[in-house]
Amino acid sequence: MALLALIGLVVVLAALAAWAWTPDRGRAELEARYLAAPGDMLEVGGTRLHVREGGRADAPAVILLHGFGASLHTWEPWAEALAATHRVIRYDLPGFGLSPPDPNGDYSLARDVALLGALMDRLGVAEAALVGHSMGGRVAWHFAARHPARVTALVLVAPDGFASPGKSYGEAPKVGPLLGLMRHFLPRALLRPNLAAAYADPSRLDEATVTRYHDLMRAPGARDAMLARLSQAVLEDPAGLLPRITAPVLLLWGEQDRMIPATHAADYVRFLPEAQVVRLPGLGHVPHEEDPARSLPPVATFLGG
């Protein structure tokens, strides 16, 4: 009986592994589905970036930077609306979306800031407004602190950048082996609740969005790149950087953000006392996805055009 029980357990575990096993999707397949035009893949700073533009080339430029695990597609409704008044530029950071992993495996913040500058140079953009969400917000405000003359306005949507309680600045985080299993196991059924946690109302997360996230996280090398990026996410104390920002700042937060709570806006206001703060009732960590029609107006007003 013990042997039969052991065999049964092995069979169940094998079935679970077969269900959860998630191989990469081919790049050609993903580009056929998510690449608008072959010319959107650009050589920038020694790597390839997936870049999409909209609006008029002679209009004020705004650059949209997505958060961890996302892609330029997360901005679709905002990008379409802002294109009426701006030259809208959005791109996939290395290892996300259709941008392949960095050839040198460098996912440091310094590299992201340098790539943003190199992309602006590549596109002939001397200055731009920056809109960054979460991790992309951290890239945006670091760029604005280091290159203030190139940033006309800064919109930070639930930005990352301050150390959590018990964490230290200047230290590389540890990525546990359990998280490393995502290299091989990333079933869609388990991804959905993780994405839904970013919404105040999970019913607003549609199946097309889940499919897109799942597909693009299975791009060749994407999961290794995500894990490498996590292990290289060394935070620098914002106290020495935020006061260098000269552009006007808008802090936008969903009041029901469970990932980076809206109370964190106070951390930024300490160093950016002139910043505007807008809190959106009933929205979570991704207000631009959850309710673009309600979350965009304060941004459009702030950016003008």
Protein backbone atom coordinates (compact mmCIF):
# COMPACT_ATOMS: atom_id res chain seq x y z
CA MET A 1 0.00 0.00 0.00
CA ALA A 2 2.87 2.37 0.83
CA LEU A 3 4.36 1.71 -2.61
CA LEU A 4 1.02 2.42 -4.28
CA ALA A 5 0.71 5.68 -2.33
CA LEU A 6 4.21 6.70 -3.38
CA ILE A 7 3.45 5.90 -7.02
CA GLY A 8 0.24 7.91 -6.77
CA LEU A 9 2.12 10.88 -5.32
CA VAL A 10 4.70 10.71 -8.11
CA VAL A 11 1.95 10.61 -10.72
CA VAL A 12 0.21 13.64 -9.17
CA LEU A 13 3.47 15.61 -8.97
CA ALA A 14 4.31 14.72 -12.56
CA ALA A 15 0.87 15.84 -13.69
CA LEU A 16 1.24 19.14 -11.82
CA ALA A 17 4.67 19.70 -13.34
CA ALA A 18 3.33 18.97 -16.82
CA TRP A 19 0.45 21.41 -16.24
CA ALA A 20 2.72 24.16 -14.92
CA TRP A 21 5.60 23.72 -17.39
CA THR A 22 5.75 26.91 -19.45
CA PRO A 23 8.23 26.98 -22.35
CA ASP A 24 9.27 30.15 -24.16
CA ARG A 25 7.31 31.40 -27.14
CA GLY A 26 9.20 31.98 -30.37
CA ARG A 27 10.25 35.58 -31.07
CA ALA A 28 8.80 35.46 -34.60
CA GLU A 29 5.42 34.43 -33.19
CA LEU A 30 5.45 37.20 -30.59
CA GLU A 31 6.51 39.87 -33.08
CA ALA A 32 3.75 38.79 -35.46
CA ARG A 33 1.25 39.40 -32.67
CA TYR A 34 2.63 42.42 -30.83
CA LEU A 35 5.00 44.31 -33.16
CA ALA A 36 3.20 47.08 -35.07
CA ALA A 37 5.98 47.57 -37.66
CA PRO A 38 9.47 46.07 -38.21
CA GLY A 39 10.94 49.58 -37.97
CA ASP A 40 9.86 49.74 -34.32
CA MET A 41 12.88 47.62 -33.36
CA LEU A 42 15.77 50.07 -32.97
CA GLU A 43 19.45 49.71 -32.14
CA VAL A 44 20.07 51.89 -29.09
CA GLY A 45 23.07 51.93 -26.78
CA GLY A 46 24.38 48.56 -27.88
CA THR A 47 21.06 46.70 -27.59
CA ARG A 48 17.74 46.45 -29.44
CA LEU A 49 14.68 48.23 -28.11
CA HIS A 50 11.04 47.93 -29.09
CA VAL A 51 9.93 51.55 -29.56
CA ARG A 52 6.57 52.91 -30.66
CA GLU A 53 5.75 56.53 -31.56
CA GLY A 54 2.53 58.43 -32.08
CA GLY A 55 1.36 62.00 -32.54
CA ARG A 56 3.13 64.76 -34.45
CA ALA A 57 6.89 64.89 -34.76
CA ASP A 58 6.84 68.67 -34.19
CA ALA A 59 4.76 68.48 -30.98
CA PRO A 60 6.20 68.48 -27.43
CA ALA A 61 7.62 65.05 -26.67
CA VAL A 62 6.42 62.81 -23.86
CA ILE A 63 8.10 59.49 -23.08
CA LEU A 64 6.20 56.73 -21.25
CA LEU A 65 8.12 54.20 -19.11
CA HIS A 66 6.35 51.03 -17.99
CA GLY A 67 6.63 49.13 -14.71
CA PHE A 68 8.11 45.74 -13.84
CA GLY A 69 6.77 42.86 -15.93
CA ALA A 70 4.84 45.19 -18.23
CA SER A 71 5.49 46.54 -21.73
CA LEU A 72 4.75 49.61 -23.82
CA HIS A 73 1.27 48.18 -24.43
CA THR A 74 0.28 49.08 -20.85
CA TRP A 75 0.02 52.73 -22.00
CA GLU A 76 -2.20 52.12 -25.04
CA PRO A 77 -5.23 54.28 -24.09
CA TRP A 78 -3.09 57.07 -22.63
CA ALA A 79 -0.76 57.07 -25.65
CA GLU A 80 -3.66 57.29 -28.07
CA ALA A 81 -5.20 60.24 -26.22
CA LEU A 82 -1.93 62.13 -25.65
CA ALA A 83 -1.05 61.81 -29.34
CA ALA A 84 -3.54 64.60 -30.05
CA THR A 85 -1.23 67.14 -28.39
CA HIS A 86 2.18 65.43 -28.08
CA ARG A 87 4.80 63.37 -29.80
CA VAL A 88 4.30 60.21 -27.75
CA ILE A 89 7.23 57.81 -27.36
CA ARG A 90 7.05 54.56 -25.44
CA TYR A 91 9.39 51.62 -25.33
CA ASP A 92 10.01 48.23 -23.73
CA LEU A 93 12.89 48.25 -21.29
CA PRO A 94 15.49 45.52 -22.00
CA GLY A 95 14.16 42.06 -21.20
CA PHE A 96 10.53 43.18 -21.16
CA GLY A 97 7.94 43.06 -23.93
CA LEU A 98 9.64 42.66 -27.29
CA SER A 99 12.96 44.23 -26.24
CA PRO A 100 15.41 41.30 -25.98
CA PRO A 101 17.59 40.82 -22.91
CA ASP A 102 20.54 43.18 -22.54
CA PRO A 103 23.53 41.56 -24.30
CA ASN A 104 25.75 42.31 -21.29
CA GLY A 105 23.19 41.26 -18.70
CA ASP A 106 23.23 44.78 -17.23
CA TYR A 107 19.86 45.73 -15.73
CA SER A 108 21.16 48.33 -13.30
CA LEU A 109 19.42 51.65 -12.84
CA ALA A 110 22.47 53.41 -14.28
CA ARG A 111 22.07 51.37 -17.46
CA ASP A 112 18.34 52.19 -17.72
CA VAL A 113 19.06 55.91 -17.28
CA ALA A 114 21.83 55.78 -19.91
CA LEU A 115 19.55 53.95 -22.36
CA LEU A 116 16.81 56.55 -21.94
CA GLY A 117 19.30 59.27 -22.82
CA ALA A 118 20.61 57.25 -25.76
CA LEU A 119 17.07 56.70 -27.05
CA MET A 120 16.34 60.43 -26.88
CA ASP A 121 19.54 61.09 -28.82
CA ARG A 122 18.64 58.39 -31.36
CA LEU A 123 15.22 59.98 -31.93
CA GLY A 124 16.51 63.56 -31.95
CA VAL A 125 14.65 64.52 -28.78
CA ALA A 126 16.54 67.24 -26.89
CA GLU A 127 14.01 67.41 -24.04
CA ALA A 128 10.81 65.66 -23.09
CA ALA A 129 8.19 65.17 -20.42
CA LEU A 130 8.62 61.81 -18.70
CA VAL A 131 5.79 59.62 -17.43
CA GLY A 132 6.91 56.61 -15.40
CA HIS A 133 4.99 53.92 -13.57
CA SER A 134 6.39 52.03 -10.56
CA MET A 135 9.84 50.76 -11.64
CA GLY A 136 9.60 53.00 -14.72
CA GLY A 137 8.88 55.88 -12.36
CA ARG A 138 12.17 55.20 -10.61
CA VAL A 139 13.99 55.33 -13.94
CA ALA A 140 12.16 58.56 -14.82
CA TRP A 141 12.94 60.46 -11.64
CA HIS A 142 16.55 59.29 -11.58
CA PHE A 143 16.94 60.56 -15.14
CA ALA A 144 15.30 63.87 -14.19
CA ALA A 145 17.70 64.22 -11.25
CA ARG A 146 20.78 63.50 -13.34
CA HIS A 147 19.73 65.33 -16.51
CA PRO A 148 17.40 68.11 -15.35
CA ALA A 149 17.89 70.17 -18.51
CA ARG A 150 16.39 67.37 -20.63
CA VAL A 151 13.14 66.97 -18.65
CA THR A 152 10.30 69.47 -19.09
CA ALA A 153 7.80 67.77 -16.77
CA LEU A 154 7.69 64.62 -14.66
CA VAL A 155 4.65 62.43 -14.00
CA LEU A 156 5.24 59.65 -11.48
CA VAL A 157 2.53 56.99 -11.24
CA ALA A 158 2.98 55.05 -7.99
CA PRO A 159 6.78 55.36 -8.35
CA ASP A 160 9.32 53.02 -6.83
CA GLY A 161 12.52 54.27 -5.21
CA PHE A 162 12.32 54.36 -1.42
CA ALA A 163 13.55 51.38 0.59
CA SER A 164 10.89 49.34 2.38
CA PRO A 165 11.08 49.11 6.19
CA GLY A 166 13.94 46.83 7.17
CA LYS A 167 15.68 47.21 3.81
CA SER A 168 18.85 49.21 3.18
CA TYR A 169 20.07 51.45 0.40
CA GLY A 170 23.06 50.32 -1.62
CA GLU A 171 22.50 46.60 -1.07
CA ALA A 172 21.60 44.07 -3.74
CA PRO A 173 18.38 42.19 -2.90
CA LYS A 174 18.34 38.42 -2.64
CA VAL A 175 16.19 36.52 -5.11
CA GLY A 176 15.05 33.25 -3.55
CA PRO A 177 15.08 29.89 -5.33
CA LEU A 178 11.28 29.69 -5.26
CA LEU A 179 11.00 32.76 -7.47
CA GLY A 180 13.63 31.21 -9.73
CA LEU A 181 11.15 28.47 -10.61
CA MET A 182 9.39 30.94 -12.90
CA ARG A 183 12.13 30.20 -15.44
CA HIS A 184 10.31 26.95 -16.13
CA PHE A 185 6.89 27.24 -14.52
CA LEU A 186 4.61 30.18 -15.27
CA PRO A 187 1.08 28.86 -15.80
CA ARG A 188 -1.43 31.44 -16.92
CA ALA A 189 -3.83 30.41 -14.15
CA LEU A 190 -1.27 31.44 -11.52
CA LEU A 191 -0.22 34.62 -13.30
CA ARG A 192 -3.72 36.05 -13.39
CA PRO A 193 -4.16 36.50 -9.60
CA ASN A 194 -0.74 38.15 -9.41
CA LEU A 195 -1.79 40.68 -12.04
CA ALA A 196 -5.21 41.13 -10.44
CA ALA A 197 -3.54 42.14 -7.16
CA ALA A 198 -2.49 45.38 -8.87
CA TYR A 199 -6.16 46.31 -9.46
CA ALA A 200 -8.54 47.69 -6.86
CA ASP A 201 -11.32 45.91 -8.75
CA PRO A 202 -9.95 42.65 -10.21
CA SER A 203 -12.99 42.31 -12.47
CA ARG A 204 -11.51 45.13 -14.57
CA LEU A 205 -8.59 42.90 -15.57
CA ASP A 206 -9.67 41.50 -18.93
CA GLU A 207 -8.48 38.26 -20.47
CA ALA A 208 -6.73 39.97 -23.38
CA THR A 209 -4.48 41.82 -20.92
CA VAL A 210 -3.65 38.61 -19.06
CA THR A 211 -2.83 36.89 -22.35
CA ARG A 212 -0.54 39.73 -23.41
CA TYR A 213 1.38 39.70 -20.12
CA HIS A 214 1.68 35.92 -20.23
CA ASP A 215 2.84 35.86 -23.85
CA LEU A 216 5.47 38.56 -23.44
CA MET A 217 6.82 37.14 -20.18
CA ARG A 218 7.52 34.00 -22.22
CA ALA A 219 9.68 35.82 -24.78
CA PRO A 220 13.10 34.14 -25.18
CA GLY A 221 15.28 35.09 -22.22
CA ALA A 222 12.64 37.33 -20.63
CA ARG A 223 12.30 35.42 -17.39
CA ASP A 224 16.05 35.19 -16.85
CA ALA A 225 16.23 38.93 -17.52
CA MET A 226 13.49 39.63 -14.98
CA LEU A 227 15.28 37.64 -12.31
CA ALA A 228 18.58 39.33 -13.13
CA ARG A 229 16.90 42.73 -12.92
CA LEU A 230 15.47 41.90 -9.50
CA SER A 231 18.90 40.85 -8.23
CA GLN A 232 20.43 44.11 -9.54
CA ALA A 233 17.75 46.42 -8.12
CA VAL A 234 20.07 48.35 -5.80
CA LEU A 235 18.33 51.44 -4.42
CA GLU A 236 20.11 54.76 -3.93
CA ASP A 237 18.95 57.05 -1.13
CA PRO A 238 16.54 59.51 -2.80
CA ALA A 239 17.45 62.25 -0.33
CA GLY A 240 20.50 63.20 -2.38
CA LEU A 241 18.78 62.97 -5.76
CA LEU A 242 15.20 64.23 -5.65
CA PRO A 243 16.16 67.84 -4.77
CA ARG A 244 18.12 68.01 -8.04
CA ILE A 245 14.89 67.76 -10.06
CA THR A 246 13.92 71.12 -11.55
CA ALA A 247 10.93 70.07 -13.66
CA PRO A 248 7.37 70.36 -12.31
CA VAL A 249 6.24 67.05 -10.80
CA LEU A 250 2.87 65.30 -10.64
CA LEU A 251 2.49 62.33 -8.29
CA LEU A 252 -0.45 60.13 -9.30
CA TRP A 253 -1.62 57.30 -7.06
CA GLY A 254 -4.54 54.92 -6.82
CA GLU A 255 -5.90 55.18 -3.29
CA GLN A 256 -6.26 51.38 -3.10
CA ASP A 257 -2.71 50.63 -4.26
CA ARG A 258 -1.62 47.60 -2.23
CA MET A 259 1.83 47.35 -3.80
CA ILE A 260 3.18 50.86 -3.22
CA PRO A 261 0.54 52.50 -1.02
CA ALA A 262 -0.57 56.06 -1.75
CA THR A 263 0.82 57.15 1.64
CA HIS A 264 4.27 56.88 0.02
CA ALA A 265 3.53 60.13 -1.81
CA ALA A 266 4.57 61.88 1.40
CA ASP A 267 8.10 60.48 0.99
CA TYR A 268 8.45 62.33 -2.31
CA VAL A 269 6.80 65.53 -1.13
CA ARG A 270 9.41 65.83 1.63
CA PHE A 271 12.03 66.42 -1.06
CA LEU A 272 9.75 67.82 -3.77
CA PRO A 273 7.55 70.24 -1.81
CA GLU A 274 6.14 71.85 -4.96
CA ALA A 275 4.94 68.52 -6.40
CA GLN A 276 1.26 68.11 -7.14
CA VAL A 277 -0.35 65.02 -5.63
CA VAL A 278 -3.48 63.44 -7.13
CA ARG A 279 -5.07 60.41 -5.49
CA LEU A 280 -7.59 58.37 -7.44
CA PRO A 281 -10.35 56.76 -5.32
CA GLY A 282 -11.21 53.18 -6.14
CA LEU A 283 -8.10 52.48 -8.21
CA GLY A 284 -5.03 50.37 -7.50
CA HIS A 285 -1.40 50.17 -8.58
CA VAL A 286 -2.02 50.44 -12.34
CA PRO A 287 -4.59 53.24 -12.74
CA HIS A 288 -3.61 53.74 -16.40
CA GLU A 289 -4.72 50.15 -17.10
CA GLU A 290 -7.55 49.82 -14.62
CA ASP A 291 -9.41 52.98 -15.61
CA PRO A 292 -7.59 55.01 -18.28
CA ALA A 293 -10.52 57.38 -18.82
CA ARG A 294 -10.51 58.45 -15.17
CA SER A 295 -6.76 58.42 -14.56
CA LEU A 296 -5.64 60.36 -17.66
CA PRO A 297 -7.34 63.78 -17.23
CA PRO A 298 -5.06 65.04 -14.41
CA VAL A 299 -2.05 63.95 -16.45
CA ALA A 300 -3.29 65.60 -19.65
CA THR A 301 -4.04 68.81 -17.75
CA PHE A 302 -0.60 68.77 -16.11
CA LEU A 303 1.22 68.18 -19.39
CA GLY A 304 -0.84 70.72 -21.33
CA GLY A 305 0.04 70.85 -25.00
